[in-house]
Amino acid sequence: MTTQEILVKAGQLILSLSILVVLHELGHFVPAKLFKTRVEKFYLFFDPWFSLFKKKKGDTEYGIGWLPLGGYVKISGMVDESMDREQMAQPPKPWEFRSKPAWQRLIIMIGGVTVNLILGFLIYAMMLWHWGETYLPTKNVKYGIAVDSLAGSIGLRDGDKILAVNNLPVENFKAVPAEIILREATSIQVERDGKPVNIAIPAGFIRQMIKQKGTLIEVRMPFTVDTILPASAAEKAGLQKGDKMLTVNGQPASYYHEFVKALQANKNKKVDVLVLRGGDTAKLSADVPETGKLGIGGVSPEKVFDFAVKKYSFFEAIPAGFLKCINTLVKYVQQLRLIFVSKEVKASESLGGFISIGKLFPSYWDWMAFWEMTALLSIILAFMNILPIPALDGGHVLFLLYEMVTGRKPSEKFLEYAQIVGMVILFGLLIYANGLDIWRSLVGK
């Protein structure tokens, strides 16, 4: 990956997280102000020892910290990450969080999660309204699949047509690998040479899929030249737009994945390329560079396959966006559940920190991909924050619900200790997840 690609990914990650953090904290800030609770600080990123920018307006200091691990609002009279013991030792003031009724404190605490869920829903709704929904139905993959070595190890073959996973059809071809994991599948049903074939998935396969982080299967697509880079090996060899690949050194290469494999196996060598041009064949000679690429691109899949395209009016996009938000949340919870209950899914192989998240963004600026990732991260942030762990919003909510049900408020000393325990847990998870990222980068996995 080039430096430019890394910077583009990092830029998208920082912008996405900045949007999510500011809006999340705004979800706490607005109800706090509505209930006349003093907010002392509103910060994007953390500011231990110093901040990059700060400005005081009214009772609130607005600023940007130097440590990009989130953000916060400091609400007067609340046991939070600031651990302001001096303030908490004073008698409660009318404008403090602890002086407000429990129902108001509950609304303030769930405000951030609520905003993140609403944001995820709105992004999905607006994306469906603006771009619609386009995907390749599994049934329309007419040339079958191209498999990698892992898929081939269980008996899948190039040209197989996916029928079902665990005997349940998968509408969107792109979702097939994810469904194998989420369903903890034990079989894949395919059509091979016109006949149904059942492929058993052995124990340990799903774990290998997760460790590999590869594609497993791709669409098998005929390779027809569409673009040729100037002064490239392809141009020097005489390849032309519209040429249909047939063979490389006599080996079949009519499908894109076959052509790529053939070139990778012949780096720094001269190869004979047979193409179909018009109604005749043409034999060309090409020098394959060290990269294993000739500098050509094929026609887009949209010109080869029948994609499902659905457009939404503004009012149709609202319920569709809500449904997509709920489905995304459900699938994320299913993935998280596997870490705890599945023998195949290991935390050390599945968890990741900021590097893993950054890799999910494309290496070029794509607004559609950016907003889709931002919606996903917003939903993840909402779920993670509502977990009943002290120091998270969910921990505060848990104690507030206890107070509302029993009529007894936990002591401030108890809340302080709980906050410390929660912060230790969170920092431990943060170090663990990002440590895994660093380790994988060092060992090249």
Protein backbone atom coordinates (compact mmCIF):
# COMPACT_ATOMS: atom_id res chain seq x y z
CA MET A 1 0.00 0.00 0.00
CA THR A 2 1.40 3.40 -0.99
CA THR A 3 1.82 6.35 1.38
CA GLN A 4 -0.93 8.21 -0.46
CA GLU A 5 -3.37 5.32 -0.02
CA ILE A 6 -2.55 5.13 3.70
CA LEU A 7 -3.13 8.88 4.09
CA VAL A 8 -6.47 8.67 2.25
CA LYS A 9 -7.63 5.84 4.52
CA ALA A 10 -6.43 7.70 7.62
CA GLY A 11 -8.14 10.90 6.48
CA GLN A 12 -11.46 9.13 6.00
CA LEU A 13 -11.16 7.42 9.39
CA ILE A 14 -10.39 10.67 11.23
CA LEU A 15 -13.19 12.57 9.49
CA SER A 16 -15.69 9.78 10.14
CA LEU A 17 -14.77 9.42 13.83
CA SER A 18 -14.79 13.21 14.28
CA ILE A 19 -18.35 13.43 12.93
CA LEU A 20 -19.47 10.53 15.13
CA VAL A 21 -17.79 11.80 18.31
CA VAL A 22 -19.04 15.39 17.97
CA LEU A 23 -22.62 14.26 17.33
CA HIS A 24 -22.48 11.66 20.11
CA GLU A 25 -21.32 14.23 22.64
CA LEU A 26 -23.89 16.67 21.29
CA GLY A 27 -26.47 14.04 22.23
CA HIS A 28 -25.41 14.51 25.87
CA PHE A 29 -24.85 18.26 25.59
CA VAL A 30 -28.27 19.29 24.24
CA PRO A 31 -30.48 17.58 26.87
CA ALA A 32 -28.07 18.72 29.61
CA LYS A 33 -28.58 22.32 28.49
CA LEU A 34 -32.36 21.80 28.16
CA PHE A 35 -32.48 20.64 31.78
CA LYS A 36 -30.30 23.61 32.83
CA THR A 37 -27.34 21.43 33.75
CA ARG A 38 -23.95 23.12 33.50
CA VAL A 39 -21.59 21.69 30.89
CA GLU A 40 -18.02 22.72 31.70
CA LYS A 41 -16.26 21.24 28.64
CA PHE A 42 -17.17 20.02 25.16
CA TYR A 43 -14.14 18.39 23.49
CA LEU A 44 -13.37 16.55 20.29
CA PHE A 45 -10.51 14.18 21.22
CA PHE A 46 -8.95 14.07 24.66
CA ASP A 47 -6.78 16.84 26.09
CA PRO A 48 -4.51 15.52 28.87
CA TRP A 49 -2.03 18.30 29.84
CA PHE A 50 -2.89 20.52 26.88
CA SER A 51 -5.29 21.09 24.00
CA LEU A 52 -4.78 22.07 20.36
CA PHE A 53 -7.62 24.57 20.48
CA LYS A 54 -10.00 25.91 23.12
CA LYS A 55 -12.47 28.73 23.50
CA LYS A 56 -14.72 29.62 26.42
CA LYS A 57 -18.30 30.61 25.67
CA GLY A 58 -20.65 31.05 28.60
CA ASP A 59 -20.07 28.28 31.12
CA THR A 60 -18.64 25.88 28.53
CA GLU A 61 -15.11 25.51 27.19
CA TYR A 62 -15.12 24.17 23.62
CA GLY A 63 -11.93 22.60 22.34
CA ILE A 64 -9.99 20.02 20.34
CA GLY A 65 -7.60 17.71 22.17
CA TRP A 66 -4.42 16.16 20.83
CA LEU A 67 -5.23 12.50 21.65
CA PRO A 68 -7.62 11.20 18.95
CA LEU A 69 -9.30 8.46 20.98
CA GLY A 70 -12.79 9.91 21.14
CA GLY A 71 -14.14 12.99 22.88
CA TYR A 72 -16.17 14.03 25.89
CA VAL A 73 -18.44 16.52 27.61
CA LYS A 74 -17.68 17.35 31.24
CA ILE A 75 -20.97 17.85 33.05
CA SER A 76 -20.91 19.52 36.46
CA GLY A 77 -21.63 17.22 39.39
CA MET A 78 -21.19 13.97 37.50
CA VAL A 79 -18.76 11.14 38.28
CA ASP A 80 -16.97 10.74 34.94
CA GLU A 81 -13.52 10.22 33.44
CA SER A 82 -12.33 13.58 34.79
CA MET A 83 -12.49 12.12 38.36
CA ASP A 84 -13.05 15.63 39.76
CA ARG A 85 -13.10 14.67 43.47
CA GLU A 86 -12.87 18.30 44.61
CA GLN A 87 -16.13 19.24 42.90
CA MET A 88 -17.90 16.10 44.12
CA ALA A 89 -16.82 16.83 47.72
CA GLN A 90 -18.78 20.11 47.68
CA PRO A 91 -22.53 20.29 48.51
CA PRO A 92 -24.68 19.71 45.37
CA LYS A 93 -25.54 22.84 43.39
CA PRO A 94 -28.88 23.29 41.56
CA TRP A 95 -27.14 23.30 38.14
CA GLU A 96 -25.27 20.04 38.74
CA PHE A 97 -26.07 16.68 37.20
CA ARG A 98 -26.44 14.98 40.60
CA SER A 99 -29.13 17.49 41.63
CA LYS A 100 -31.42 16.69 38.71
CA PRO A 101 -34.28 14.14 38.86
CA ALA A 102 -33.32 10.60 37.82
CA TRP A 103 -35.45 10.72 34.66
CA GLN A 104 -33.62 13.84 33.45
CA ARG A 105 -30.23 12.26 34.18
CA LEU A 106 -31.34 9.16 32.26
CA ILE A 107 -32.27 11.22 29.19
CA ILE A 108 -28.92 13.02 29.34
CA MET A 109 -27.04 9.70 29.52
CA ILE A 110 -28.85 7.95 26.66
CA GLY A 111 -28.65 11.03 24.44
CA GLY A 112 -25.35 10.04 22.80
CA VAL A 113 -26.46 6.51 21.93
CA THR A 114 -29.80 7.83 20.65
CA VAL A 115 -28.05 10.30 18.34
CA ASN A 116 -25.74 7.57 16.98
CA LEU A 117 -28.68 5.28 16.17
CA ILE A 118 -30.61 8.12 14.54
CA LEU A 119 -27.51 9.13 12.58
CA GLY A 120 -27.00 5.58 11.28
CA PHE A 121 -30.63 5.43 10.20
CA LEU A 122 -30.53 8.87 8.52
CA ILE A 123 -27.32 8.10 6.63
CA TYR A 124 -28.75 4.84 5.30
CA ALA A 125 -32.03 6.53 4.37
CA MET A 126 -30.29 9.38 2.52
CA MET A 127 -27.94 6.96 0.76
CA LEU A 128 -30.90 4.89 -0.47
CA TRP A 129 -32.66 8.05 -1.61
CA HIS A 130 -29.60 9.45 -3.41
CA TRP A 131 -27.89 6.33 -4.77
CA GLY A 132 -30.51 3.65 -4.45
CA GLU A 133 -29.47 0.05 -3.90
CA THR A 134 -27.41 -1.97 -6.36
CA TYR A 135 -26.16 -5.51 -5.85
CA LEU A 136 -25.44 -8.67 -7.80
CA PRO A 137 -28.01 -11.39 -7.01
CA THR A 138 -26.37 -14.76 -6.37
CA LYS A 139 -28.61 -16.37 -8.98
CA ASN A 140 -27.26 -13.99 -11.64
CA VAL A 141 -23.62 -15.10 -11.27
CA LYS A 142 -23.98 -16.96 -14.55
CA TYR A 143 -20.34 -17.97 -15.02
CA GLY A 144 -20.05 -19.30 -11.49
CA ILE A 145 -17.38 -18.48 -8.95
CA ALA A 146 -13.61 -18.18 -8.90
CA VAL A 147 -12.17 -19.74 -5.74
CA ASP A 148 -9.01 -19.16 -3.74
CA SER A 149 -6.88 -21.95 -2.25
CA LEU A 150 -8.87 -22.03 1.00
CA ALA A 151 -12.20 -22.45 -0.79
CA GLY A 152 -10.63 -25.08 -3.04
CA SER A 153 -9.44 -27.03 0.01
CA ILE A 154 -13.03 -27.98 0.94
CA GLY A 155 -14.02 -28.96 -2.59
CA LEU A 156 -15.33 -25.75 -4.13
CA ARG A 157 -14.28 -25.38 -7.77
CA ASP A 158 -14.02 -22.60 -10.34
CA GLY A 159 -17.32 -22.41 -12.18
CA ASP A 160 -19.49 -23.66 -9.30
CA LYS A 161 -22.72 -21.70 -8.92
CA ILE A 162 -23.75 -20.97 -5.35
CA LEU A 163 -27.26 -22.14 -4.56
CA ALA A 164 -27.42 -21.86 -0.78
CA VAL A 165 -25.49 -21.74 2.50
CA ASN A 166 -26.72 -24.30 5.05
CA ASN A 167 -29.59 -24.95 2.60
CA LEU A 168 -30.73 -21.33 2.91
CA PRO A 169 -30.42 -19.08 -0.17
CA VAL A 170 -28.34 -15.88 -0.03
CA GLU A 171 -29.82 -13.10 -2.15
CA ASN A 172 -26.73 -10.86 -2.38
CA PHE A 173 -23.65 -12.67 -3.75
CA LYS A 174 -21.30 -10.32 -1.89
CA ALA A 175 -22.81 -11.48 1.42
CA VAL A 176 -22.02 -15.19 0.91
CA PRO A 177 -18.72 -15.28 2.92
CA ALA A 178 -20.28 -13.30 5.79
CA GLU A 179 -23.29 -15.62 5.87
CA ILE A 180 -20.99 -18.65 6.11
CA ILE A 181 -19.51 -17.13 9.27
CA LEU A 182 -22.71 -15.77 10.82
CA ARG A 183 -24.64 -19.00 10.23
CA GLU A 184 -21.66 -21.05 11.40
CA ALA A 185 -22.37 -23.00 8.24
CA THR A 186 -21.63 -26.70 7.94
CA SER A 187 -22.39 -26.94 4.22
CA ILE A 188 -22.62 -25.00 0.96
CA GLN A 189 -24.91 -26.06 -1.86
CA VAL A 190 -23.69 -25.44 -5.42
CA GLU A 191 -24.60 -26.30 -8.97
CA ARG A 192 -21.79 -28.03 -10.85
CA ASP A 193 -22.14 -29.14 -14.49
CA GLY A 194 -25.90 -28.70 -14.19
CA LYS A 195 -26.21 -30.89 -11.09
CA PRO A 196 -26.64 -29.94 -7.40
CA VAL A 197 -23.64 -30.73 -5.22
CA ASN A 198 -23.39 -30.49 -1.41
CA ILE A 199 -20.03 -29.22 -0.13
CA ALA A 200 -19.38 -30.05 3.54
CA ILE A 201 -17.61 -27.39 5.59
CA PRO A 202 -15.18 -29.04 8.01
CA ALA A 203 -14.48 -27.91 11.56
CA GLY A 204 -11.87 -25.16 11.66
CA PHE A 205 -12.72 -23.76 8.23
CA ILE A 206 -14.51 -20.66 9.50
CA ARG A 207 -11.56 -19.87 11.76
CA GLN A 208 -9.26 -20.12 8.72
CA MET A 209 -11.58 -17.76 6.81
CA ILE A 210 -11.34 -15.16 9.56
CA LYS A 211 -7.56 -15.48 9.89
CA GLN A 212 -7.08 -15.26 6.12
CA LYS A 213 -9.24 -12.11 5.78
CA GLY A 214 -9.40 -12.87 2.06
CA THR A 215 -12.18 -13.01 -0.49
CA LEU A 216 -12.71 -16.83 -0.45
CA ILE A 217 -14.83 -16.62 -3.60
CA GLU A 218 -15.17 -14.06 -6.37
CA VAL A 219 -17.33 -13.66 -9.43
CA ARG A 220 -15.87 -15.58 -12.37
CA MET A 221 -15.95 -13.14 -15.27
CA PRO A 222 -14.73 -13.31 -18.87
CA PHE A 223 -11.83 -10.94 -19.42
CA THR A 224 -12.34 -8.43 -22.21
CA VAL A 225 -9.88 -5.54 -22.48
CA ASP A 226 -11.52 -2.18 -21.84
CA THR A 227 -8.65 0.15 -20.89
CA ILE A 228 -4.93 0.20 -21.68
CA LEU A 229 -2.44 2.41 -19.85
CA PRO A 230 -0.16 4.49 -22.09
CA ALA A 231 3.38 3.12 -22.50
CA SER A 232 2.37 -0.03 -20.60
CA ALA A 233 3.51 -3.57 -21.38
CA ALA A 234 0.05 -4.22 -22.82
CA GLU A 235 0.33 -1.30 -25.27
CA LYS A 236 3.81 -2.42 -26.32
CA ALA A 237 2.51 -5.92 -26.90
CA GLY A 238 -0.22 -4.61 -29.22
CA LEU A 239 -3.26 -5.40 -27.12
CA GLN A 240 -6.37 -3.44 -28.09
CA LYS A 241 -9.63 -2.45 -26.49
CA GLY A 242 -12.21 -5.16 -27.12
CA ASP A 243 -9.69 -8.04 -27.19
CA LYS A 244 -11.05 -11.12 -25.45
CA MET A 245 -8.43 -13.19 -23.62
CA LEU A 246 -8.11 -16.85 -24.56
CA THR A 247 -4.76 -18.26 -23.39
CA VAL A 248 -1.41 -17.29 -21.86
CA ASN A 249 1.43 -19.59 -22.92
CA GLY A 250 -1.17 -22.08 -24.08
CA GLN A 251 -2.95 -22.19 -20.70
CA PRO A 252 -6.62 -21.15 -20.42
CA ALA A 253 -6.92 -17.49 -19.46
CA SER A 254 -10.33 -16.44 -20.76
CA TYR A 255 -11.50 -15.54 -17.25
CA TYR A 256 -10.03 -12.64 -15.33
CA HIS A 257 -8.76 -14.69 -12.37
CA GLU A 258 -7.07 -17.16 -14.75
CA PHE A 259 -5.32 -14.33 -16.56
CA VAL A 260 -4.10 -12.78 -13.28
CA LYS A 261 -2.72 -16.11 -12.04
CA ALA A 262 -0.94 -16.71 -15.34
CA LEU A 263 0.79 -13.31 -15.21
CA GLN A 264 1.78 -13.70 -11.56
CA ALA A 265 3.40 -17.02 -12.42
CA ASN A 266 5.41 -15.42 -15.25
CA LYS A 267 6.89 -12.27 -13.73
CA ASN A 268 9.92 -10.93 -15.62
CA LYS A 269 9.22 -13.36 -18.46
CA LYS A 270 8.00 -13.11 -22.04
CA VAL A 271 4.61 -14.77 -22.60
CA ASP A 272 2.47 -15.57 -25.63
CA VAL A 273 -1.04 -14.16 -25.34
CA LEU A 274 -3.82 -15.45 -27.57
CA VAL A 275 -6.85 -13.16 -27.93
CA LEU A 276 -10.07 -13.10 -29.88
CA ARG A 277 -10.22 -9.91 -31.94
CA GLY A 278 -13.36 -9.44 -33.97
CA GLY A 279 -13.98 -12.83 -35.51
CA ASP A 280 -10.32 -13.88 -35.65
CA THR A 281 -7.65 -14.87 -33.16
CA ALA A 282 -4.45 -12.89 -32.71
CA LYS A 283 -1.25 -14.15 -31.08
CA LEU A 284 0.79 -11.50 -29.28
CA SER A 285 4.00 -11.51 -27.28
CA ALA A 286 4.19 -9.57 -24.01
CA ASP A 287 6.94 -8.87 -21.48
CA VAL A 288 5.52 -9.35 -17.98
CA PRO A 289 7.11 -6.83 -15.56
CA GLU A 290 8.06 -7.47 -11.93
CA THR A 291 4.58 -6.35 -10.80
CA GLY A 292 2.94 -9.17 -12.76
CA LYS A 293 0.61 -6.64 -14.42
CA LEU A 294 0.43 -5.55 -18.05
CA GLY A 295 -1.42 -2.28 -17.43
CA ILE A 296 -4.88 -3.21 -18.70
CA GLY A 297 -8.38 -3.18 -17.24
CA GLY A 298 -11.40 -5.25 -18.10
CA VAL A 299 -15.00 -4.23 -18.66
CA SER A 300 -16.99 -3.49 -15.52
CA PRO A 301 -19.16 -6.26 -14.03
CA GLU A 302 -22.26 -4.11 -14.69
CA LYS A 303 -21.73 -4.69 -18.43
CA VAL A 304 -21.54 -8.46 -17.98
CA PHE A 305 -24.08 -9.34 -15.27
CA ASP A 306 -27.65 -8.36 -14.49
CA PHE A 307 -27.44 -6.34 -11.29
CA ALA A 308 -30.50 -5.72 -9.14
CA VAL A 309 -31.12 -1.97 -8.98
CA LYS A 310 -33.74 -0.40 -6.75
CA LYS A 311 -34.45 3.31 -6.56
CA TYR A 312 -36.25 4.91 -3.62
CA SER A 313 -38.34 8.03 -3.35
CA PHE A 314 -37.69 10.21 -0.30
CA PHE A 315 -40.61 8.69 1.59
CA GLU A 316 -39.71 5.13 0.56
CA ALA A 317 -36.13 5.65 1.74
CA ILE A 318 -37.23 6.46 5.32
CA PRO A 319 -38.60 2.99 6.28
CA ALA A 320 -35.96 1.28 4.11
CA GLY A 321 -33.19 3.16 5.93
CA PHE A 322 -34.69 2.26 9.30
CA LEU A 323 -34.84 -1.42 8.32
CA LYS A 324 -31.25 -1.36 7.10
CA CYS A 325 -30.14 0.26 10.37
CA ILE A 326 -31.86 -2.48 12.41
CA ASN A 327 -30.48 -5.28 10.19
CA THR A 328 -26.96 -3.84 10.49
CA LEU A 329 -27.26 -3.71 14.29
CA VAL A 330 -28.56 -7.29 14.44
CA LYS A 331 -25.72 -8.59 12.26
CA TYR A 332 -23.14 -6.77 14.37
CA VAL A 333 -24.55 -8.30 17.55
CA GLN A 334 -24.46 -11.72 15.88
CA GLN A 335 -20.78 -11.21 15.01
CA LEU A 336 -19.98 -10.13 18.56
CA ARG A 337 -21.86 -13.11 19.96
CA LEU A 338 -19.68 -15.52 17.97
CA ILE A 339 -16.58 -14.31 19.83
CA PHE A 340 -18.08 -15.63 23.07
CA VAL A 341 -19.95 -18.77 21.95
CA SER A 342 -18.25 -20.08 18.80
CA LYS A 343 -15.32 -22.49 18.88
CA GLU A 344 -14.32 -21.17 15.46
CA VAL A 345 -14.11 -17.46 16.26
CA LYS A 346 -11.24 -16.28 18.48
CA ALA A 347 -11.03 -12.78 19.96
CA SER A 348 -7.31 -12.60 19.20
CA GLU A 349 -8.03 -13.17 15.50
CA SER A 350 -11.24 -11.14 15.18
CA LEU A 351 -10.76 -8.02 17.30
CA GLY A 352 -8.92 -4.98 16.03
CA GLY A 353 -8.30 -1.34 16.80
CA PHE A 354 -7.98 1.82 14.76
CA ILE A 355 -5.71 0.21 12.15
CA SER A 356 -8.29 -2.50 11.47
CA ILE A 357 -11.07 0.08 11.22
CA GLY A 358 -8.99 2.28 8.92
CA LYS A 359 -8.38 -0.64 6.56
CA LEU A 360 -12.13 -0.95 6.01
CA PHE A 361 -12.15 2.40 4.18
CA PRO A 362 -11.23 2.36 0.46
CA SER A 363 -7.76 3.52 -0.64
CA TYR A 364 -9.38 6.25 -2.77
CA TRP A 365 -11.94 8.86 -1.77
CA ASP A 366 -15.41 7.45 -2.36
CA TRP A 367 -18.26 9.34 -0.69
CA MET A 368 -20.67 6.41 -0.96
CA ALA A 369 -18.22 4.05 0.76
CA PHE A 370 -17.36 6.77 3.31
CA TRP A 371 -20.96 7.32 4.37
CA GLU A 372 -21.69 3.60 4.48
CA MET A 373 -18.72 3.05 6.80
CA THR A 374 -19.73 6.06 8.91
CA ALA A 375 -23.25 4.66 9.31
CA LEU A 376 -21.83 1.28 10.34
CA LEU A 377 -19.42 2.84 12.85
CA SER A 378 -22.23 4.99 14.26
CA ILE A 379 -24.32 1.90 14.94
CA ILE A 380 -21.33 0.08 16.46
CA LEU A 381 -20.57 3.11 18.65
CA ALA A 382 -24.19 3.17 19.86
CA PHE A 383 -24.17 -0.52 20.78
CA MET A 384 -20.77 -0.47 22.46
CA ASN A 385 -21.66 2.62 24.50
CA ILE A 386 -24.90 1.15 25.84
CA LEU A 387 -23.14 -1.95 27.23
CA PRO A 388 -23.56 -1.98 31.05
CA ILE A 389 -19.89 -1.31 31.75
CA PRO A 390 -18.97 1.41 34.27
CA ALA A 391 -17.40 4.43 32.52
CA LEU A 392 -19.60 3.84 29.45
CA ASP A 393 -23.02 5.41 29.00
CA GLY A 394 -24.55 2.00 29.63
CA GLY A 395 -22.90 1.78 33.03
CA HIS A 396 -24.40 5.11 34.08
CA VAL A 397 -27.78 4.02 32.71
CA LEU A 398 -27.61 0.78 34.72
CA PHE A 399 -27.05 2.66 37.98
CA LEU A 400 -29.79 5.16 37.13
CA LEU A 401 -32.29 2.37 36.44
CA TYR A 402 -31.35 0.80 39.76
CA GLU A 403 -32.02 4.12 41.46
CA MET A 404 -35.38 4.57 39.71
CA VAL A 405 -36.54 1.03 40.57
CA THR A 406 -35.33 0.86 44.19
CA GLY A 407 -35.54 4.53 45.10
CA ARG A 408 -32.00 4.31 46.47
CA LYS A 409 -29.18 6.25 44.83
CA PRO A 410 -25.73 4.56 44.76
CA SER A 411 -23.23 6.48 46.86
CA GLU A 412 -20.82 8.79 45.07
CA LYS A 413 -17.91 6.79 46.51
CA PHE A 414 -19.34 3.61 44.92
CA LEU A 415 -19.83 5.43 41.59
CA GLU A 416 -16.26 6.70 41.78
CA TYR A 417 -14.84 3.21 42.33
CA ALA A 418 -17.07 1.83 39.57
CA GLN A 419 -15.80 4.53 37.22
CA ILE A 420 -12.19 3.56 37.98
CA VAL A 421 -12.92 -0.15 37.35
CA GLY A 422 -14.71 0.70 34.10
CA MET A 423 -11.85 2.88 32.88
CA VAL A 424 -9.33 0.12 33.64
CA ILE A 425 -11.46 -2.35 31.63
CA LEU A 426 -11.86 0.06 28.71
CA PHE A 427 -8.20 1.04 28.55
CA GLY A 428 -7.27 -2.63 28.80
CA LEU A 429 -9.52 -3.47 25.84
CA LEU A 430 -8.21 -0.47 23.91
CA ILE A 431 -4.60 -1.51 24.46
CA TYR A 432 -5.40 -5.15 23.65
CA ALA A 433 -7.26 -4.39 20.40
CA ASN A 434 -4.69 -1.90 19.12
CA GLY A 435 -1.86 -4.12 20.30
CA LEU A 436 -3.27 -6.89 18.12
CA ASP A 437 -3.23 -4.48 15.17
CA ILE A 438 0.41 -3.58 15.79
CA TRP A 439 1.39 -7.24 16.20
CA ARG A 440 -0.35 -8.20 12.94
CA SER A 441 1.43 -5.34 11.16
CA LEU A 442 4.81 -6.53 12.49
CA VAL A 443 4.31 -10.19 11.54
CA GLY A 444 2.59 -9.30 8.26
CA LYS A 445 -0.82 -10.80 8.98
